[in-house]
C-alpha atoms as a PDB file:
ATOM      1  CA  MET A   1     -11.788   4.614  -1.625  1.00  0.00           C
ATOM      2  CA  PRO A   2     -13.017   2.741  -4.628  1.00  0.00           C
ATOM      3  CA  GLY A   3     -16.431   1.744  -5.022  1.00  0.00           C
ATOM      4  CA  SER A   4     -15.878  -0.317  -8.095  1.00  0.00           C
ATOM      5  CA  GLY A   5     -13.240  -0.256 -10.763  1.00  0.00           C
ATOM      6  CA  THR A   6      -9.306  -0.634 -11.114  1.00  0.00           C
ATOM      7  CA  VAL A   7      -6.858   1.883 -10.384  1.00  0.00           C
ATOM      8  CA  GLU A   8      -2.784   2.193 -10.464  1.00  0.00           C
ATOM      9  CA  VAL A   9      -0.778   3.851  -7.972  1.00  0.00           C
ATOM     10  CA  VAL A  10       2.193   5.594  -9.554  1.00  0.00           C
ATOM     11  CA  LYS A  11       5.158   7.088  -7.559  1.00  0.00           C
ATOM     12  CA  ASP A  12       8.069   8.777  -9.673  1.00  0.00           C
ATOM     13  CA  GLY A  13       6.560   7.675 -12.835  1.00  0.00           C
ATOM     14  CA  VAL A  14       6.701   3.931 -11.820  1.00  0.00           C
ATOM     15  CA  GLN A  15       3.535   1.823 -11.265  1.00  0.00           C
ATOM     16  CA  ILE A  16       3.902   0.410  -7.460  1.00  0.00           C
ATOM     17  CA  ALA A  17       0.235  -1.016  -7.108  1.00  0.00           C
ATOM     18  CA  SER A  18      -2.759  -2.052  -8.829  1.00  0.00           C
ATOM     19  CA  VAL A  19      -5.829  -1.818  -6.710  1.00  0.00           C
ATOM     20  CA  ASN A  20      -9.132  -3.158  -7.396  1.00  0.00           C
ATOM     21  CA  ALA A  21     -10.362  -4.118  -3.734  1.00  0.00           C
ATOM     22  CA  PRO A  22     -13.553  -2.209  -2.487  1.00  0.00           C
ATOM     23  CA  GLY A  23     -12.762  -0.192   0.746  1.00  0.00           C
ATOM     24  CA  SER A  24      -8.975   0.628  -0.243  1.00  0.00           C
ATOM     25  CA  VAL A  25      -7.916   3.940   0.970  1.00  0.00           C
ATOM     26  CA  PHE A  26      -5.433   6.210  -0.597  1.00  0.00           C
ATOM     27  CA  GLY A  27      -3.533   9.204   0.772  1.00  0.00           C
ATOM     28  CA  GLU A  28      -3.736   8.253   4.210  1.00  0.00           C
ATOM     29  CA  LEU A  29      -0.138   8.896   4.779  1.00  0.00           C
ATOM     30  CA  ALA A  30      -0.172  12.331   3.453  1.00  0.00           C
ATOM     31  CA  VAL A  31      -3.226  12.918   5.623  1.00  0.00           C
ATOM     32  CA  ILE A  32      -1.862  11.492   9.054  1.00  0.00           C
ATOM     33  CA  LEU A  33       1.544  12.802   8.723  1.00  0.00           C
ATOM     34  CA  ASP A  34       0.326  16.278   7.186  1.00  0.00           C
ATOM     35  CA  GLN A  35       2.411  16.170   4.286  1.00  0.00           C
ATOM     36  CA  PRO A  36       1.917  16.455   0.409  1.00  0.00           C
ATOM     37  CA  TYR A  37       0.837  13.280  -1.345  1.00  0.00           C
ATOM     38  CA  THR A  38       3.777  11.387  -2.763  1.00  0.00           C
ATOM     39  CA  ALA A  39       1.931   9.217  -5.270  1.00  0.00           C
ATOM     40  CA  ASP A  40      -0.777   9.387  -7.988  1.00  0.00           C
ATOM     41  CA  VAL A  41      -3.755   7.128  -8.335  1.00  0.00           C
ATOM     42  CA  ARG A  42      -4.899   6.845 -12.136  1.00  0.00           C
ATOM     43  CA  THR A  43      -7.773   4.742 -13.242  1.00  0.00           C
ATOM     44  CA  LEU A  44      -7.296   1.639 -15.550  1.00  0.00           C
ATOM     45  CA  GLU A  45     -11.007   1.295 -16.174  1.00  0.00           C
ATOM     46  CA  GLN A  46     -14.050   3.093 -15.284  1.00  0.00           C
ATOM     47  CA  ALA A  47     -13.964   3.469 -11.728  1.00  0.00           C
ATOM     48  CA  GLU A  48     -16.188   4.931  -8.780  1.00  0.00           C
ATOM     49  CA  PHE A  49     -15.063   6.451  -5.861  1.00  0.00           C
ATOM     50  CA  TYR A  50     -16.189   7.843  -2.388  1.00  0.00           C
ATOM     51  CA  VAL A  51     -14.324  11.001  -1.628  1.00  0.00           C
ATOM     52  CA  ALA A  52     -14.004  11.999   2.113  1.00  0.00           C
ATOM     53  CA  ASP A  53     -12.951  15.007   3.902  1.00  0.00           C
ATOM     54  CA  ALA A  54     -10.029  12.625   5.418  1.00  0.00           C
ATOM     55  CA  PRO A  55      -8.788  14.982   8.016  1.00  0.00           C
ATOM     56  CA  ALA A  56     -12.540  15.494   9.562  1.00  0.00           C
ATOM     57  CA  ILE A  57     -13.512  11.931   9.419  1.00  0.00           C
ATOM     58  CA  LEU A  58     -10.324  10.709  10.959  1.00  0.00           C
ATOM     59  CA  ALA A  59     -10.756  13.201  13.879  1.00  0.00           C
ATOM     60  CA  SER A  60     -14.511  12.564  14.164  1.00  0.00           C
ATOM     61  CA  ASP A  61     -15.053   9.007  13.607  1.00  0.00           C
ATOM     62  CA  PRO A  62     -13.240   6.185  15.799  1.00  0.00           C
ATOM     63  CA  THR A  63     -14.423   3.615  13.321  1.00  0.00           C
ATOM     64  CA  VAL A  64     -12.519   5.312  10.459  1.00  0.00           C
ATOM     65  CA  ALA A  65      -9.641   5.903  12.390  1.00  0.00           C
ATOM     66  CA  LEU A  66      -9.211   2.262  13.382  1.00  0.00           C
ATOM     67  CA  TYR A  67      -9.927   0.963   9.888  1.00  0.00           C
ATOM     68  CA  VAL A  68      -7.008   3.035   8.711  1.00  0.00           C
ATOM     69  CA  ALA A  69      -4.924   2.189  11.434  1.00  0.00           C
ATOM     70  CA  ALA A  70      -5.641  -1.711  10.907  1.00  0.00           C
ATOM     71  CA  ILE A  71      -4.819  -1.254   7.273  1.00  0.00           C
ATOM     72  CA  LEU A  72      -1.313   0.376   8.073  1.00  0.00           C
ATOM     73  CA  ALA A  73      -0.641  -2.145  10.705  1.00  0.00           C
ATOM     74  CA  ARG A  74      -1.103  -5.202   8.279  1.00  0.00           C
ATOM     75  CA  ARG A  75       0.920  -3.405   5.609  1.00  0.00           C
ATOM     76  CA  LEU A  76       3.866  -2.706   8.089  1.00  0.00           C
ATOM     77  CA  ASP A  77       3.612  -6.350   9.607  1.00  0.00           C
ATOM     78  CA  ALA A  78       3.675  -7.778   6.061  1.00  0.00           C
ATOM     79  CA  ALA A  79       6.658  -5.257   5.015  1.00  0.00           C
ATOM     80  CA  ASN A  80       8.533  -6.497   8.159  1.00  0.00           C
ATOM     81  CA  ARG A  81       8.251 -10.159   7.154  1.00  0.00           C
ATOM     82  CA  TRP A  82       9.217  -9.365   3.716  1.00  0.00           C
ATOM     83  CA  LEU A  83      12.394  -7.540   5.071  1.00  0.00           C
ATOM     84  CA  VAL A  84      13.240 -10.798   7.127  1.00  0.00           C
ATOM     85  CA  ALA A  85      12.765 -12.803   3.732  1.00  0.00           C
ATOM     86  CA  VAL A  86      15.072 -10.456   2.091  1.00  0.00           C
ATOM     87  CA  LYS A  87      17.906 -10.381   4.491  1.00  0.00           C
ATOM     88  CA  ARG A  88      17.860 -14.198   4.534  1.00  0.00           C
ATOM     89  CA  GLN A  89      18.172 -14.215   0.867  1.00  0.00           C
ATOM     90  CA  LEU A  90      21.117 -11.751   1.257  1.00  0.00           C
ATOM     91  CA  GLN A  91      22.728 -14.233   3.732  1.00  0.00           C
ATOM     92  CA  THR A  92      22.125 -17.320   1.479  1.00  0.00           C
ATOM     93  CA  ASP A  93      23.368 -15.414  -1.789  1.00  0.00           C
ATOM     94  CA  GLU A  94      20.124 -15.608  -3.608  1.00  0.00           C
ATOM     95  CA  PRO A  95      20.209 -14.567  -7.279  1.00  0.00           C
ATOM     96  CA  PRO A  96      20.199 -10.604  -7.360  1.00  0.00           C
ATOM     97  CA  SER A  97      16.936 -11.110  -9.783  1.00  0.00           C
ATOM     98  CA  GLU A  98      15.143 -12.760  -6.606  1.00  0.00           C
ATOM     99  CA  ILE A  99      16.396 -10.280  -4.098  1.00  0.00           C
ATOM    100  CA  GLY A 100      14.992  -7.439  -6.216  1.00  0.00           C
ATOM    101  CA  ARG A 101      11.824  -9.062  -6.651  1.00  0.00           C
ATOM    102  CA  ALA A 102      11.528  -9.419  -2.959  1.00  0.00           C
ATOM    103  CA  ILE A 103      12.371  -5.567  -2.687  1.00  0.00           C
ATOM    104  CA  GLU A 104       9.724  -4.567  -5.201  1.00  0.00           C
ATOM    105  CA  ARG A 105       7.070  -6.521  -2.940  1.00  0.00           C
ATOM    106  CA  VAL A 106       8.143  -4.725   0.085  1.00  0.00           C
ATOM    107  CA  GLU A 107       7.794  -1.261  -1.692  1.00  0.00           C
ATOM    108  CA  GLU A 108       4.489  -2.723  -2.762  1.00  0.00           C
ATOM    109  CA  LEU A 109       3.330  -3.341   0.842  1.00  0.00           C
ATOM    110  CA  LEU A 110       4.298  -0.211   1.867  1.00  0.00           C
ATOM    111  CA  SER A 111       2.279   1.408  -0.488  1.00  0.00           C
ATOM    112  CA  TYR A 112      -0.829  -0.433  -0.897  1.00  0.00           C
ATOM    113  CA  GLY A 113      -0.653  -4.182   0.116  1.00  0.00           C
ATOM    114  CA  GLY A 114       0.371  -7.428  -1.269  1.00  0.00           C
ATOM    115  CA  ARG A 115       0.915 -10.905  -0.177  1.00  0.00           C
ATOM    116  CA  ASP A 116       2.411 -12.413   2.689  1.00  0.00           C
ATOM    117  CA  PRO A 117       6.179 -13.806   2.399  1.00  0.00           C
ATOM    118  CA  THR A 118       5.021 -17.291   3.674  1.00  0.00           C
ATOM    119  CA  GLY A 119       3.652 -18.055   0.394  1.00  0.00           C
ATOM    120  CA  TRP A 120       7.138 -17.392  -1.455  1.00  0.00           C
END
């Protein structure tokens, strides 16, 4: 989790997020699902991080586990709202560029956060 600085999250050679919020968490899905990491985190400016033994801290500290669960729940809730918004765009024959932009937002949300579709 960053203490300060800005990082980018890159998946398959494509930047999917730029993150500078203190308390952001990276790699949580890989740890929870016991799978390899699927994205890279690269610094865009000098940054400081706190590195934790994620499996151990998630298993031993309920506060950390709840914090990560809340992050994932917010991300999923927002992604669901965007999915509904994209489906509505498809039903009203929005231009492909608008639909593409909304899909990018869903991808962003599923990775590291983003804005709520109500501000569309």
